[in-house]
Protein backbone atom coordinates (compact mmCIF):
# COMPACT_ATOMS: atom_id res chain seq x y z
CA ASN A 1 -4.80 11.97 48.25
CA PHE A 2 -1.94 10.89 45.37
CA ALA A 3 -2.87 7.21 45.30
CA ALA A 4 -5.37 7.92 42.87
CA PRO A 5 -3.33 9.75 40.07
CA LEU A 6 -0.85 7.11 40.27
CA LEU A 7 -3.29 4.32 40.14
CA LYS A 8 -4.86 6.17 36.86
CA GLU A 9 -1.52 6.24 35.43
CA ARG A 10 -0.87 2.61 35.68
CA ILE A 11 -4.05 1.45 34.19
CA LEU A 12 -3.34 3.69 31.03
CA ILE A 13 -0.13 2.20 30.88
CA MET A 14 -1.26 -1.03 30.95
CA THR A 15 -4.23 -0.44 28.58
CA LEU A 16 -1.48 0.70 26.16
CA GLN A 17 0.71 -2.16 26.86
CA GLN A 18 -2.16 -4.80 25.74
CA LEU A 19 -2.78 -2.76 22.64
CA ARG A 20 0.69 -3.36 21.61
CA TYR A 21 0.87 -7.04 22.68
CA VAL A 22 -2.08 -7.73 20.63
CA THR A 23 -0.87 -5.79 17.62
CA VAL A 24 2.53 -7.85 17.79
CA ILE A 25 0.88 -10.72 18.08
CA ALA A 26 -1.32 -10.44 15.07
CA GLU A 27 1.59 -9.11 13.28
CA THR A 28 3.78 -12.27 13.83
CA GLY A 29 0.94 -14.83 13.87
CA SER A 30 2.39 -16.49 16.50
CA LEU A 31 2.50 -16.16 20.53
CA ASN A 32 6.30 -17.37 20.43
CA LYS A 33 7.48 -14.79 17.96
CA ALA A 34 5.41 -12.20 19.57
CA SER A 35 7.25 -12.91 22.70
CA GLU A 36 10.81 -12.90 21.26
CA VAL A 37 9.77 -9.44 19.61
CA LEU A 38 8.67 -8.03 22.85
CA TYR A 39 11.05 -9.35 25.31
CA VAL A 40 8.14 -10.93 27.36
CA SER A 41 7.61 -14.59 28.58
CA GLN A 42 4.70 -16.77 26.76
CA PRO A 43 2.99 -17.29 29.56
CA SER A 44 3.31 -13.28 30.88
CA LEU A 45 1.74 -12.36 27.21
CA THR A 46 -0.86 -14.96 27.11
CA ASN A 47 -2.66 -13.82 30.53
CA ALA A 48 -2.01 -10.15 29.26
CA VAL A 49 -4.30 -10.84 26.41
CA LYS A 50 -6.66 -13.45 28.15
CA GLU A 51 -7.15 -10.56 30.92
CA LEU A 52 -7.85 -7.86 28.02
CA GLU A 53 -10.55 -10.07 26.29
CA LYS A 54 -12.01 -10.73 29.95
CA GLU A 55 -12.33 -7.30 30.23
CA LEU A 56 -13.48 -6.66 26.80
CA GLY A 57 -16.07 -9.51 26.78
CA VAL A 58 -14.65 -10.92 23.27
CA SER A 59 -11.99 -13.28 22.06
CA LEU A 60 -9.37 -11.70 19.92
CA PHE A 61 -7.81 -14.64 18.99
CA THR A 62 -8.19 -17.90 17.38
CA ARG A 63 -5.43 -20.43 18.69
CA THR A 64 -4.55 -23.37 16.63
CA GLY A 65 -1.94 -25.51 16.23
CA LYS A 66 -0.11 -23.67 13.53
CA GLY A 67 -0.43 -20.14 15.42
CA VAL A 68 -3.09 -17.69 15.91
CA THR A 69 -5.22 -15.80 13.96
CA LEU A 70 -7.35 -12.47 14.66
CA THR A 71 -11.29 -13.22 15.26
CA ALA A 72 -13.56 -10.88 13.35
CA ASP A 73 -13.74 -9.08 17.10
CA GLY A 74 -10.18 -9.18 17.11
CA ASP A 75 -9.99 -7.04 13.89
CA GLU A 76 -12.22 -4.72 14.86
CA PHE A 77 -10.36 -4.33 17.77
CA LEU A 78 -7.06 -4.11 16.03
CA THR A 79 -8.14 -1.20 13.52
CA SER A 80 -9.09 0.91 16.50
CA ALA A 81 -5.96 0.21 18.24
CA ARG A 82 -3.25 1.06 15.74
CA PRO A 83 -3.93 4.62 15.62
CA ILE A 84 -3.76 5.03 19.14
CA LEU A 85 -0.56 3.15 19.34
CA MET A 86 0.93 5.09 16.55
CA GLN A 87 -0.73 8.39 17.81
CA TYR A 88 1.17 7.79 21.36
CA ASP A 89 4.31 6.82 19.48
CA THR A 90 4.59 9.85 17.63
CA LEU A 91 4.25 11.56 20.74
CA MET A 92 6.63 9.72 22.68
CA ASP A 93 8.96 10.37 19.60
CA HIS A 94 8.40 14.32 20.04
CA TYR A 95 9.25 14.59 23.56
CA ALA A 96 12.38 11.92 23.36
CA GLU A 97 15.77 13.27 23.63
CA PRO A 98 16.94 14.40 20.20
CA GLY A 99 19.57 11.97 19.51
CA ALA A 100 17.42 9.11 20.79
CA ARG A 101 14.08 10.05 18.26
CA LYS A 102 13.44 6.97 15.61
CA ILE A 103 11.45 8.43 12.87
CA LYS A 104 8.88 5.87 11.48
CA PHE A 105 6.93 5.53 8.24
CA GLY A 106 5.32 3.31 6.14
CA VAL A 107 3.72 3.06 2.51
CA SER A 108 1.71 0.50 0.81
CA THR A 109 1.16 0.81 -3.14
CA GLN A 110 0.30 -0.77 -6.14
CA HIS A 111 3.37 -1.46 -8.03
CA TYR A 112 4.50 2.12 -9.93
CA SER A 113 7.86 3.17 -9.94
CA PHE A 114 7.08 6.70 -9.45
CA ALA A 115 5.99 5.79 -5.83
CA VAL A 116 9.10 4.13 -5.00
CA LYS A 117 10.79 6.90 -6.88
CA ALA A 118 9.24 9.70 -4.55
CA PHE A 119 10.03 7.09 -1.59
CA VAL A 120 13.69 7.46 -2.57
CA GLU A 121 13.40 11.29 -2.52
CA MET A 122 11.34 11.32 0.87
CA VAL A 123 14.41 9.03 2.81
CA LYS A 124 16.89 11.78 1.53
CA THR A 125 15.44 14.61 2.91
CA PHE A 126 15.81 13.29 6.55
CA GLY A 127 19.40 13.57 7.97
CA THR A 128 18.94 11.19 10.57
CA SER A 129 20.75 8.06 11.25
CA ARG A 130 17.50 6.78 13.18
CA TYR A 131 15.10 5.89 11.14
CA GLU A 132 12.45 3.03 10.48
CA PHE A 133 10.84 3.35 6.95
CA ALA A 134 9.26 0.63 4.90
CA ILE A 135 7.31 0.43 1.28
CA ARG A 136 5.13 -2.52 0.39
CA GLU A 137 4.45 -3.16 -3.27
CA THR A 138 1.54 -5.42 -2.67
CA ARG A 139 -1.96 -5.86 -4.01
CA THR A 140 -4.62 -3.69 -4.03
CA GLN A 141 -7.01 -5.55 -1.05
CA GLU A 142 -3.20 -5.37 1.01
CA VAL A 143 -3.05 -1.68 0.40
CA ILE A 144 -6.60 -1.22 1.76
CA SER A 145 -5.98 -3.05 4.57
CA ASP A 146 -2.62 -2.03 5.53
CA VAL A 147 -3.92 1.74 5.73
CA ALA A 148 -7.36 0.71 7.41
CA THR A 149 -5.19 -1.10 9.97
CA LEU A 150 -2.41 1.46 9.81
CA LYS A 151 0.20 -1.00 8.83
CA SER A 152 1.15 2.13 6.36
CA GLU A 153 0.17 5.92 7.07
CA VAL A 154 -0.36 6.00 3.11
CA GLY A 155 -1.60 3.78 0.43
CA ILE A 156 -0.95 4.44 -3.43
CA LEU A 157 -3.73 3.37 -6.22
CA TYR A 158 -5.90 4.22 -8.81
CA LEU A 159 -9.58 4.69 -9.47
CA SER A 160 -11.30 4.12 -13.02
CA ASP A 161 -15.12 4.92 -13.93
CA PHE A 162 -14.54 0.79 -13.99
CA ASN A 163 -13.46 -0.14 -10.10
CA ARG A 164 -14.49 3.50 -8.10
CA ALA A 165 -17.73 2.21 -7.12
CA VAL A 166 -16.22 -0.65 -5.30
CA LEU A 167 -13.32 0.68 -3.98
CA THR A 168 -14.69 3.79 -2.69
CA LYS A 169 -17.51 1.62 -0.87
CA LEU A 170 -14.51 -0.28 0.73
CA PHE A 171 -12.70 3.21 1.81
CA ASN A 172 -15.89 4.08 3.18
CA GLN A 173 -16.12 0.66 5.15
CA ASN A 174 -12.57 1.01 6.50
CA ASP A 175 -12.92 4.65 7.37
CA LEU A 176 -10.32 5.69 4.67
CA VAL A 177 -10.30 8.93 2.47
CA PHE A 178 -8.92 8.80 -0.84
CA HIS A 179 -7.02 11.95 -2.41
CA PRO A 180 -6.57 12.32 -5.67
CA LEU A 181 -2.99 13.13 -7.18
CA CYS A 182 -2.99 13.24 -10.99
CA ARG A 183 -5.27 11.59 -13.99
CA CYS A 184 -3.95 9.74 -17.37
CA ARG A 185 -4.68 7.73 -19.71
CA ALA A 186 -3.82 4.05 -20.35
CA TYR A 187 -0.31 3.23 -21.81
CA VAL A 188 0.95 0.17 -23.01
CA TYR A 189 4.31 -0.65 -21.32
CA LEU A 190 6.53 -2.69 -23.64
CA TRP A 191 10.95 -3.15 -24.06
CA ARG A 192 11.98 -1.14 -26.83
CA GLY A 193 12.81 -4.42 -28.96
CA HIS A 194 9.58 -5.12 -28.93
CA PRO A 195 7.77 -5.61 -32.64
CA LEU A 196 5.19 -2.86 -31.98
CA ALA A 197 7.70 -0.06 -29.87
CA GLY A 198 7.64 1.93 -33.09
CA CYS A 199 4.23 2.61 -33.03
CA GLU A 200 2.63 6.05 -32.09
CA THR A 201 -0.33 4.63 -30.40
CA ILE A 202 -1.10 0.69 -30.05
CA THR A 203 -4.76 -0.75 -30.33
CA PHE A 204 -6.18 -3.63 -28.65
CA ALA A 205 -6.20 -6.12 -31.97
CA GLN A 206 -2.25 -5.32 -32.12
CA LEU A 207 -1.67 -7.01 -28.75
CA ALA A 208 -3.43 -10.13 -29.57
CA ASP A 209 -0.51 -12.19 -30.22
CA TYR A 210 1.51 -10.95 -27.23
CA PRO A 211 1.22 -12.02 -23.78
CA CYS A 212 -0.89 -9.59 -21.66
CA LEU A 213 1.32 -9.27 -17.82
CA SER A 214 -1.49 -8.65 -14.97
CA PHE A 215 -0.31 -8.28 -11.29
CA GLU A 216 -1.88 -10.79 -9.50
CA GLN A 217 -4.72 -10.16 -7.28
CA GLY A 218 -6.23 -13.29 -6.12
CA GLY A 219 -9.54 -13.94 -4.63
CA ASN A 220 -13.41 -13.35 -5.97
CA GLY A 221 -14.30 -10.28 -8.38
CA SER A 222 -10.13 -9.62 -8.49
CA PHE A 223 -10.75 -7.59 -11.65
CA TYR A 224 -12.07 -4.71 -9.61
CA PHE A 225 -8.96 -4.71 -8.09
CA ALA A 226 -6.48 -5.07 -11.15
CA GLU A 227 -4.05 -2.46 -11.88
CA GLU A 228 -4.76 -2.81 -15.60
CA ILE A 229 -7.48 -1.26 -17.53
CA LEU A 230 -9.57 -3.32 -19.79
CA THR A 231 -9.37 -6.30 -17.08
CA THR A 232 -12.99 -7.67 -18.26
CA LYS A 233 -11.60 -8.79 -21.85
CA ASP A 234 -10.38 -12.38 -22.91
CA TYR A 235 -6.89 -12.01 -23.47
CA PRO A 236 -5.63 -14.82 -25.59
CA CYS A 237 -2.58 -15.33 -23.54
CA THR A 238 -1.88 -14.01 -20.07
CA ILE A 239 0.40 -14.03 -17.34
CA HIS A 240 0.14 -12.90 -13.63
CA THR A 241 3.01 -11.97 -11.55
CA ASN A 242 3.71 -10.19 -8.70
CA ASP A 243 6.49 -7.93 -8.90
CA ARG A 244 7.97 -5.50 -11.37
CA ALA A 245 11.40 -6.91 -11.89
CA THR A 246 9.37 -10.40 -13.17
CA ASN A 247 7.50 -8.01 -15.29
CA LEU A 248 10.30 -6.37 -16.65
CA ASN A 249 12.23 -9.75 -17.56
CA LEU A 250 9.17 -11.25 -19.20
CA MET A 251 8.80 -8.27 -21.64
CA ILE A 252 12.29 -8.63 -22.91
CA ALA A 253 12.04 -12.58 -23.09
CA LEU A 254 8.26 -13.05 -24.31
CA ASN A 255 7.70 -9.78 -25.90
CA ALA A 256 5.24 -9.20 -23.35
CA TYR A 257 3.53 -5.94 -22.07
CA THR A 258 1.41 -4.59 -19.76
CA LEU A 259 -1.23 -1.53 -19.39
CA CYS A 260 -0.30 1.16 -17.12
CA SER A 261 -0.48 4.81 -16.25
CA GLY A 262 2.64 5.77 -18.32
CA VAL A 263 4.04 7.22 -15.64
CA ILE A 264 7.32 5.81 -15.62
CA CYS A 265 10.59 6.23 -13.78
CA GLU A 266 13.55 5.45 -16.17
CA GLU A 267 15.96 6.04 -13.12
CA LEU A 268 14.62 2.59 -11.24
CA ASN A 269 13.31 0.70 -14.17
CA GLY A 270 15.93 1.61 -16.95
CA THR A 271 15.96 3.22 -20.17
CA GLU A 272 15.01 -0.06 -22.13
CA TYR A 273 11.15 0.04 -21.76
CA VAL A 274 8.66 2.26 -23.65
CA ALA A 275 5.07 3.56 -22.85
CA ILE A 276 2.94 3.93 -25.76
CA PRO A 277 -0.24 5.52 -25.78
CA PHE A 278 -3.71 3.09 -26.13
CA ARG A 279 -5.55 3.75 -28.60
CA ASP A 280 -9.07 2.69 -27.69
CA ASP A 281 -12.00 1.82 -30.38
CA GLU A 282 -15.60 1.19 -29.83
CA GLU A 283 -15.32 -2.20 -28.36
CA ASN A 284 -12.39 -1.15 -26.18
CA GLN A 285 -12.75 1.88 -24.54
CA ASN A 286 -9.78 3.77 -22.82
CA SER A 287 -10.33 5.06 -19.38
CA ASP A 288 -9.00 7.71 -17.10
CA MET A 289 -6.79 6.58 -14.40
CA GLU A 290 -6.97 8.80 -11.54
CA ILE A 291 -3.88 8.19 -9.30
CA GLY A 292 -4.11 9.18 -5.84
CA TYR A 293 -3.40 8.68 -2.30
CA LEU A 294 -5.37 6.77 0.60
CA VAL A 295 -5.19 7.48 4.47
CA HIS A 296 -7.25 6.61 7.62
CA LYS A 297 -9.77 9.54 8.34
CA ASN A 298 -8.71 9.34 11.95
CA TYR A 299 -5.06 9.80 11.44
CA VAL A 300 -2.97 12.91 11.12
CA LEU A 301 -0.10 12.62 8.57
CA SER A 302 3.37 12.37 10.25
CA GLU A 303 6.05 14.58 8.82
CA VAL A 304 7.32 12.02 7.15
CA GLY A 305 3.96 10.84 5.94
CA ASN A 306 3.80 14.78 4.55
CA ARG A 307 7.16 14.81 3.12
CA TYR A 308 6.43 11.46 1.30
CA VAL A 309 2.95 12.93 -0.43
CA SER A 310 4.61 16.14 -1.45
CA GLU A 311 7.22 14.49 -3.17
CA ILE A 312 4.98 12.01 -5.40
CA ARG A 313 2.77 14.89 -6.20
CA GLU A 314 5.87 16.50 -7.57
CA TYR A 315 6.88 13.83 -9.61
CA LEU A 316 3.09 13.46 -11.17
CA THR A 317 2.91 16.64 -11.71
CA SER A 318 6.00 17.17 -13.66
CA HIS A 319 5.17 13.86 -15.26
CA THR A 320 1.85 15.69 -16.43
CA GLU A 321 3.30 19.12 -17.46
CA ARG A 322 5.75 16.90 -19.73
CA ILE A 323 2.71 14.91 -21.22
CA ASP A 324 1.13 18.29 -21.89
CA GLN A 325 3.81 20.11 -23.43
CA GLN A 326 4.39 16.87 -25.89
CA GLU A 327 0.64 16.75 -27.28
CA THR A 328 0.71 20.62 -27.97
């Protein structure tokens, strides 16, 4: 009986199609935009989602005059749907005609120039004219969310004694695994014309008269998601930003500074800036920053994902070796 296998295959295709519909609607936040991206009429899209909601017995979206947003059930559904779609797409790409394959990869990261440098080197290694890559420098919570929903394969962030318990709990709740890459102490990052640029080390007291730059995280308890150490300190002057370029401009214009890992890519940031070791005291303790990458435990990294991890590991290893040589 050939009808049964054909019917089974049709159901599978429809299910994958519905998963893709839900994913695109969630990403665009609009049925109109989703229909344009998918080349599907809005009524057909709406009916497909309604059929899926009826089959599941839950509402996936909340519909308002401004668009659509995921419900709690929809968010949970999408978390399970994304890995299935990504694995399916990877499988189809693998068996597609060689000239038709499009390599896809995404990484979400805290604001690290070395993460961008590794991305650049990774892109160079793939001799193909067909790819769809994405790198997202974003907030810590969004790094976690992007990897949890497989919007990105890999996330780059750091753990410390201060944030480890909170972030590890979030990793576990979202089925994520953190892989350490390197440990480093905190540095003060400022421009070469700064009055403190000639110091061998810099204390918290020395920084009191200068603006501290901090990447904006938003939300309650955001100090646990901060990209800088000593986040609970009461800084006299703080400026919140959301991109590295603005930070670099403010360092020059206002003699501002930021606290960072010290792993700086001069090729991308330029040579007008220096990273000087932060010297702690009894009240302002330094802390190891353990930089690593985040992946979904139910997803096997693609060839591109493995290449990216290899590039960033190599870069961080070479940095650590240079620091060790300088200290000896």
